[in-house]
Amino acid sequence: MSSGIELGWRKSSYSGTEGDNCVEVAATEQAIYVRDSKDLALPAFAVGREGWDEFVRFAAGA
C-alpha cells in the first residue's frame, strides 16, 4: 500500500487470544483493508466498500 494513507487497524474479534489467526481490518471511504498482523511485511489486501459483503461471504465459505 503506497498511497500514504494512515489507517486505523482493528483486530478481528475472531482472532485467537494465543497470537494465532490474527486478522486486522481498517476502513477508508473507498475501501476496507485486511492484513495478517503476524507478518506486517506482507501487503494488505483491499476490497472496495461495494464488494465487502460479497468478500466476507466468500471468505466465510458461504
PDB file of N, CA and C in Angstrom:
ATOM      1  N   MET A   1       0.856  -1.175   0.000  1.00  0.00           N
ATOM      2  CA  MET A   1       0.000   0.000   0.000  1.00  0.00           C
ATOM      3  C   MET A   1       0.892   1.225   0.000  1.00  0.00           C
ATOM      4  N   SER A   2       0.919   1.935  -1.101  1.00  0.00           N
ATOM      5  CA  SER A   2       1.833   3.059  -1.234  1.00  0.00           C
ATOM      6  C   SER A   2       1.117   4.393  -1.320  1.00  0.00           C
ATOM      7  N   SER A   3      -0.143   4.434  -0.972  1.00  0.00           N
ATOM      8  CA  SER A   3      -0.921   5.656  -1.096  1.00  0.00           C
ATOM      9  C   SER A   3      -0.623   6.678  -0.014  1.00  0.00           C
ATOM     10  N   GLY A   4       0.079   6.275   1.043  1.00  0.00           N
ATOM     11  CA  GLY A   4       0.399   7.192   2.121  1.00  0.00           C
ATOM     12  C   GLY A   4      -0.752   7.426   3.081  1.00  0.00           C
ATOM     13  N   ILE A   5      -1.809   6.662   2.965  1.00  0.00           N
ATOM     14  CA  ILE A   5      -2.962   6.782   3.860  1.00  0.00           C
ATOM     15  C   ILE A   5      -2.613   6.148   5.195  1.00  0.00           C
ATOM     16  N   GLU A   6      -2.858   6.862   6.278  1.00  0.00           N
ATOM     17  CA  GLU A   6      -2.668   6.312   7.628  1.00  0.00           C
ATOM     18  C   GLU A   6      -3.950   5.588   8.010  1.00  0.00           C
ATOM     19  N   LEU A   7      -3.835   4.310   8.306  1.00  0.00           N
ATOM     20  CA  LEU A   7      -5.009   3.501   8.607  1.00  0.00           C
ATOM     21  C   LEU A   7      -5.086   3.176  10.092  1.00  0.00           C
ATOM     22  N   GLY A   8      -6.295   3.135  10.613  1.00  0.00           N
ATOM     23  CA  GLY A   8      -6.536   2.734  11.996  1.00  0.00           C
ATOM     24  C   GLY A   8      -6.943   1.268  12.012  1.00  0.00           C
ATOM     25  N   TRP A   9      -5.994   0.396  12.305  1.00  0.00           N
ATOM     26  CA  TRP A   9      -6.228  -1.041  12.257  1.00  0.00           C
ATOM     27  C   TRP A   9      -6.952  -1.529  13.506  1.00  0.00           C
ATOM     28  N   ARG A  10      -7.879  -2.487  13.320  1.00  0.00           N
ATOM     29  CA  ARG A  10      -8.588  -3.141  14.427  1.00  0.00           C
ATOM     30  C   ARG A  10      -8.436  -4.642  14.263  1.00  0.00           C
ATOM     31  N   LYS A  11      -8.193  -5.331  15.354  1.00  0.00           N
ATOM     32  CA  LYS A  11      -8.065  -6.788  15.311  1.00  0.00           C
ATOM     33  C   LYS A  11      -9.456  -7.406  15.264  1.00  0.00           C
ATOM     34  N   SER A  12      -9.602  -8.421  14.445  1.00  0.00           N
ATOM     35  CA  SER A  12     -10.863  -9.129  14.340  1.00  0.00           C
ATOM     36  C   SER A  12     -11.240  -9.763  15.670  1.00  0.00           C
ATOM     37  N   SER A  13     -12.514  -9.757  15.984  1.00  0.00           N
ATOM     38  CA  SER A  13     -12.988 -10.407  17.207  1.00  0.00           C
ATOM     39  C   SER A  13     -12.849 -11.921  17.113  1.00  0.00           C
ATOM     40  N   TYR A  14     -12.623 -12.442  15.912  1.00  0.00           N
ATOM     41  CA  TYR A  14     -12.431 -13.878  15.715  1.00  0.00           C
ATOM     42  C   TYR A  14     -10.967 -14.287  15.810  1.00  0.00           C
ATOM     43  N   SER A  15     -10.063 -13.328  15.982  1.00  0.00           N
ATOM     44  CA  SER A  15      -8.649 -13.666  16.099  1.00  0.00           C
ATOM     45  C   SER A  15      -8.399 -14.382  17.417  1.00  0.00           C
ATOM     46  N   GLY A  16      -7.487 -15.319  17.390  1.00  0.00           N
ATOM     47  CA  GLY A  16      -7.190 -16.104  18.585  1.00  0.00           C
ATOM     48  C   GLY A  16      -6.493 -15.288  19.656  1.00  0.00           C
ATOM     49  N   THR A  17      -6.642 -15.679  20.895  1.00  0.00           N
ATOM     50  CA  THR A  17      -6.007 -14.984  22.009  1.00  0.00           C
ATOM     51  C   THR A  17      -4.565 -15.422  22.209  1.00  0.00           C
ATOM     52  N   GLU A  18      -4.161 -16.492  21.527  1.00  0.00           N
ATOM     53  CA  GLU A  18      -2.807 -17.013  21.664  1.00  0.00           C
ATOM     54  C   GLU A  18      -1.859 -16.446  20.608  1.00  0.00           C
ATOM     55  N   GLY A  19      -2.287 -15.429  19.876  1.00  0.00           N
ATOM     56  CA  GLY A  19      -1.437 -14.846  18.847  1.00  0.00           C
ATOM     57  C   GLY A  19      -1.562 -15.514  17.498  1.00  0.00           C
ATOM     58  N   ASP A  20      -2.463 -16.473  17.385  1.00  0.00           N
ATOM     59  CA  ASP A  20      -2.678 -17.116  16.097  1.00  0.00           C
ATOM     60  C   ASP A  20      -3.920 -16.537  15.427  1.00  0.00           C
ATOM     61  N   ASN A  21      -4.047 -16.767  14.150  1.00  0.00           N
ATOM     62  CA  ASN A  21      -5.219 -16.314  13.397  1.00  0.00           C
ATOM     63  C   ASN A  21      -5.486 -14.822  13.566  1.00  0.00           C
ATOM     64  N   CYS A  22      -4.435 -14.020  13.529  1.00  0.00           N
ATOM     65  CA  CYS A  22      -4.593 -12.588  13.758  1.00  0.00           C
ATOM     66  C   CYS A  22      -4.868 -11.847  12.449  1.00  0.00           C
ATOM     67  N   VAL A  23      -6.097 -11.445  12.300  1.00  0.00           N
ATOM     68  CA  VAL A  23      -6.513 -10.674  11.144  1.00  0.00           C
ATOM     69  C   VAL A  23      -6.915  -9.301  11.639  1.00  0.00           C
ATOM     70  N   GLU A  24      -6.446  -8.264  10.940  1.00  0.00           N
ATOM     71  CA  GLU A  24      -6.816  -6.898  11.282  1.00  0.00           C
ATOM     72  C   GLU A  24      -7.476  -6.249  10.077  1.00  0.00           C
ATOM     73  N   VAL A  25      -8.391  -5.337  10.340  1.00  0.00           N
ATOM     74  CA  VAL A  25      -9.075  -4.603   9.284  1.00  0.00           C
ATOM     75  C   VAL A  25      -8.980  -3.115   9.547  1.00  0.00           C
ATOM     76  N   ALA A  26      -9.025  -2.349   8.471  1.00  0.00           N
ATOM     77  CA  ALA A  26      -9.051  -0.887   8.545  1.00  0.00           C
ATOM     78  C   ALA A  26      -9.962  -0.400   7.431  1.00  0.00           C
ATOM     79  N   ALA A  27     -10.682   0.670   7.663  1.00  0.00           N
ATOM     80  CA  ALA A  27     -11.641   1.172   6.679  1.00  0.00           C
ATOM     81  C   ALA A  27     -11.327   2.608   6.283  1.00  0.00           C
ATOM     82  N   THR A  28     -11.504   2.889   4.999  1.00  0.00           N
ATOM     83  CA  THR A  28     -11.476   4.256   4.482  1.00  0.00           C
ATOM     84  C   THR A  28     -12.803   4.475   3.767  1.00  0.00           C
ATOM     85  N   GLU A  29     -13.013   5.641   3.232  1.00  0.00           N
ATOM     86  CA  GLU A  29     -14.245   5.891   2.488  1.00  0.00           C
ATOM     87  C   GLU A  29     -14.334   5.027   1.242  1.00  0.00           C
ATOM     88  N   GLN A  30     -13.181   4.671   0.658  1.00  0.00           N
ATOM     89  CA  GLN A  30     -13.168   3.937  -0.593  1.00  0.00           C
ATOM     90  C   GLN A  30     -13.074   2.416  -0.425  1.00  0.00           C
ATOM     91  N   ALA A  31     -12.413   1.932   0.629  1.00  0.00           N
ATOM     92  CA  ALA A  31     -12.115   0.503   0.709  1.00  0.00           C
ATOM     93  C   ALA A  31     -11.993   0.016   2.144  1.00  0.00           C
ATOM     94  N   ILE A  32     -12.051  -1.306   2.276  1.00  0.00           N
ATOM     95  CA  ILE A  32     -11.755  -1.995   3.521  1.00  0.00           C
ATOM     96  C   ILE A  32     -10.440  -2.734   3.292  1.00  0.00           C
ATOM     97  N   TYR A  33      -9.493  -2.602   4.213  1.00  0.00           N
ATOM     98  CA  TYR A  33      -8.184  -3.239   4.112  1.00  0.00           C
ATOM     99  C   TYR A  33      -8.111  -4.371   5.132  1.00  0.00           C
ATOM    100  N   VAL A  34      -7.473  -5.455   4.735  1.00  0.00           N
ATOM    101  CA  VAL A  34      -7.310  -6.624   5.591  1.00  0.00           C
ATOM    102  C   VAL A  34      -5.833  -6.983   5.587  1.00  0.00           C
ATOM    103  N   ARG A  35      -5.291  -7.315   6.772  1.00  0.00           N
ATOM    104  CA  ARG A  35      -3.889  -7.728   6.833  1.00  0.00           C
ATOM    105  C   ARG A  35      -3.705  -8.816   7.883  1.00  0.00           C
ATOM    106  N   ASP A  36      -2.592  -9.515   7.745  1.00  0.00           N
ATOM    107  CA  ASP A  36      -2.177 -10.540   8.700  1.00  0.00           C
ATOM    108  C   ASP A  36      -1.269  -9.853   9.707  1.00  0.00           C
ATOM    109  N   SER A  37      -1.724  -9.679  10.916  1.00  0.00           N
ATOM    110  CA  SER A  37      -0.949  -8.928  11.907  1.00  0.00           C
ATOM    111  C   SER A  37       0.285  -9.681  12.385  1.00  0.00           C
ATOM    112  N   LYS A  38       0.391 -10.979  12.056  1.00  0.00           N
ATOM    113  CA  LYS A  38       1.581 -11.736  12.435  1.00  0.00           C
ATOM    114  C   LYS A  38       2.747 -11.442  11.504  1.00  0.00           C
ATOM    115  N   ASP A  39       2.473 -10.903  10.302  1.00  0.00           N
ATOM    116  CA  ASP A  39       3.523 -10.620   9.329  1.00  0.00           C
ATOM    117  C   ASP A  39       3.213  -9.306   8.619  1.00  0.00           C
ATOM    118  N   LEU A  40       3.576  -8.202   9.243  1.00  0.00           N
ATOM    119  CA  LEU A  40       3.252  -6.883   8.713  1.00  0.00           C
ATOM    120  C   LEU A  40       4.053  -6.531   7.466  1.00  0.00           C
ATOM    121  N   ALA A  41       5.057  -7.354   7.113  1.00  0.00           N
ATOM    122  CA  ALA A  41       5.812  -7.127   5.880  1.00  0.00           C
ATOM    123  C   ALA A  41       4.970  -7.482   4.654  1.00  0.00           C
ATOM    124  N   LEU A  42       3.970  -8.325   4.854  1.00  0.00           N
ATOM    125  CA  LEU A  42       3.076  -8.665   3.750  1.00  0.00           C
ATOM    126  C   LEU A  42       2.173  -7.482   3.447  1.00  0.00           C
ATOM    127  N   PRO A  43       1.814  -7.293   2.177  1.00  0.00           N
ATOM    128  CA  PRO A  43       0.917  -6.178   1.848  1.00  0.00           C
ATOM    129  C   PRO A  43      -0.501  -6.447   2.344  1.00  0.00           C
ATOM    130  N   ALA A  44      -1.220  -5.385   2.619  1.00  0.00           N
ATOM    131  CA  ALA A  44      -2.630  -5.501   3.000  1.00  0.00           C
ATOM    132  C   ALA A  44      -3.442  -5.777   1.742  1.00  0.00           C
ATOM    133  N   PHE A  45      -4.530  -6.482   1.919  1.00  0.00           N
ATOM    134  CA  PHE A  45      -5.487  -6.737   0.846  1.00  0.00           C
ATOM    135  C   PHE A  45      -6.571  -5.686   0.956  1.00  0.00           C
ATOM    136  N   ALA A  46      -6.997  -5.121  -0.158  1.00  0.00           N
ATOM    137  CA  ALA A  46      -8.050  -4.111  -0.129  1.00  0.00           C
ATOM    138  C   ALA A  46      -9.211  -4.558  -1.002  1.00  0.00           C
ATOM    139  N   VAL A  47     -10.404  -4.289  -0.528  1.00  0.00           N
ATOM    140  CA  VAL A  47     -11.613  -4.554  -1.310  1.00  0.00           C
ATOM    141  C   VAL A  47     -12.489  -3.308  -1.212  1.00  0.00           C
ATOM    142  N   GLY A  48     -13.072  -2.926  -2.335  1.00  0.00           N
ATOM    143  CA  GLY A  48     -13.948  -1.757  -2.344  1.00  0.00           C
ATOM    144  C   GLY A  48     -15.134  -1.956  -1.427  1.00  0.00           C
ATOM    145  N   ARG A  49     -15.637  -0.859  -0.880  1.00  0.00           N
ATOM    146  CA  ARG A  49     -16.775  -0.963   0.045  1.00  0.00           C
ATOM    147  C   ARG A  49     -17.970  -1.654  -0.597  1.00  0.00           C
ATOM    148  N   GLU A  50     -18.180  -1.419  -1.897  1.00  0.00           N
ATOM    149  CA  GLU A  50     -19.321  -2.036  -2.575  1.00  0.00           C
ATOM    150  C   GLU A  50     -19.176  -3.555  -2.684  1.00  0.00           C
ATOM    151  N   GLY A  51     -17.956  -4.075  -2.565  1.00  0.00           N
ATOM    152  CA  GLY A  51     -17.728  -5.504  -2.654  1.00  0.00           C
ATOM    153  C   GLY A  51     -17.461  -6.188  -1.326  1.00  0.00           C
ATOM    154  N   TRP A  52     -17.498  -5.452  -0.224  1.00  0.00           N
ATOM    155  CA  TRP A  52     -17.135  -6.005   1.082  1.00  0.00           C
ATOM    156  C   TRP A  52     -18.043  -7.163   1.498  1.00  0.00           C
ATOM    157  N   ASP A  53     -19.356  -6.999   1.380  1.00  0.00           N
ATOM    158  CA  ASP A  53     -20.273  -8.065   1.793  1.00  0.00           C
ATOM    159  C   ASP A  53     -20.016  -9.348   1.006  1.00  0.00           C
ATOM    160  N   GLU A  54     -19.794  -9.212  -0.298  1.00  0.00           N
ATOM    161  CA  GLU A  54     -19.507 -10.377  -1.133  1.00  0.00           C
ATOM    162  C   GLU A  54     -18.190 -11.033  -0.719  1.00  0.00           C
ATOM    163  N   PHE A  55     -17.175 -10.216  -0.413  1.00  0.00           N
ATOM    164  CA  PHE A  55     -15.893 -10.752   0.044  1.00  0.00           C
ATOM    165  C   PHE A  55     -16.056 -11.531   1.349  1.00  0.00           C
ATOM    166  N   VAL A  56     -16.801 -11.008   2.294  1.00  0.00           N
ATOM    167  CA  VAL A  56     -16.996 -11.676   3.585  1.00  0.00           C
ATOM    168  C   VAL A  56     -17.725 -13.002   3.376  1.00  0.00           C
ATOM    169  N   ARG A  57     -18.753 -13.023   2.524  1.00  0.00           N
ATOM    170  CA  ARG A  57     -19.457 -14.284   2.241  1.00  0.00           C
ATOM    171  C   ARG A  57     -18.499 -15.298   1.622  1.00  0.00           C
ATOM    172  N   PHE A  58     -17.661 -14.855   0.686  1.00  0.00           N
ATOM    173  CA  PHE A  58     -16.697 -15.749   0.048  1.00  0.00           C
ATOM    174  C   PHE A  58     -15.702 -16.277   1.079  1.00  0.00           C
ATOM    175  N   ALA A  59     -15.166 -15.395   1.919  1.00  0.00           N
ATOM    176  CA  ALA A  59     -14.171 -15.789   2.911  1.00  0.00           C
ATOM    177  C   ALA A  59     -14.772 -16.754   3.936  1.00  0.00           C
ATOM    178  N   ALA A  60     -16.040 -16.608   4.221  1.00  0.00           N
ATOM    179  CA  ALA A  60     -16.713 -17.487   5.192  1.00  0.00           C
ATOM    180  C   ALA A  60     -17.100 -18.827   4.571  1.00  0.00           C
ATOM    181  N   GLY A  61     -16.952 -18.931   3.271  1.00  0.00           N
ATOM    182  CA  GLY A  61     -17.280 -20.180   2.595  1.00  0.00           C
ATOM    183  C   GLY A  61     -18.757 -20.381   2.346  1.00  0.00           C
ATOM    184  N   ALA A  62     -19.515 -19.299   2.432  1.00  0.00           N
ATOM    185  CA  ALA A  62     -20.955 -19.417   2.234  1.00  0.00           C
ATOM    186  C   ALA A  62     -21.344 -19.257   0.778  1.00  0.00           C
TER     187      ALA A  62
END
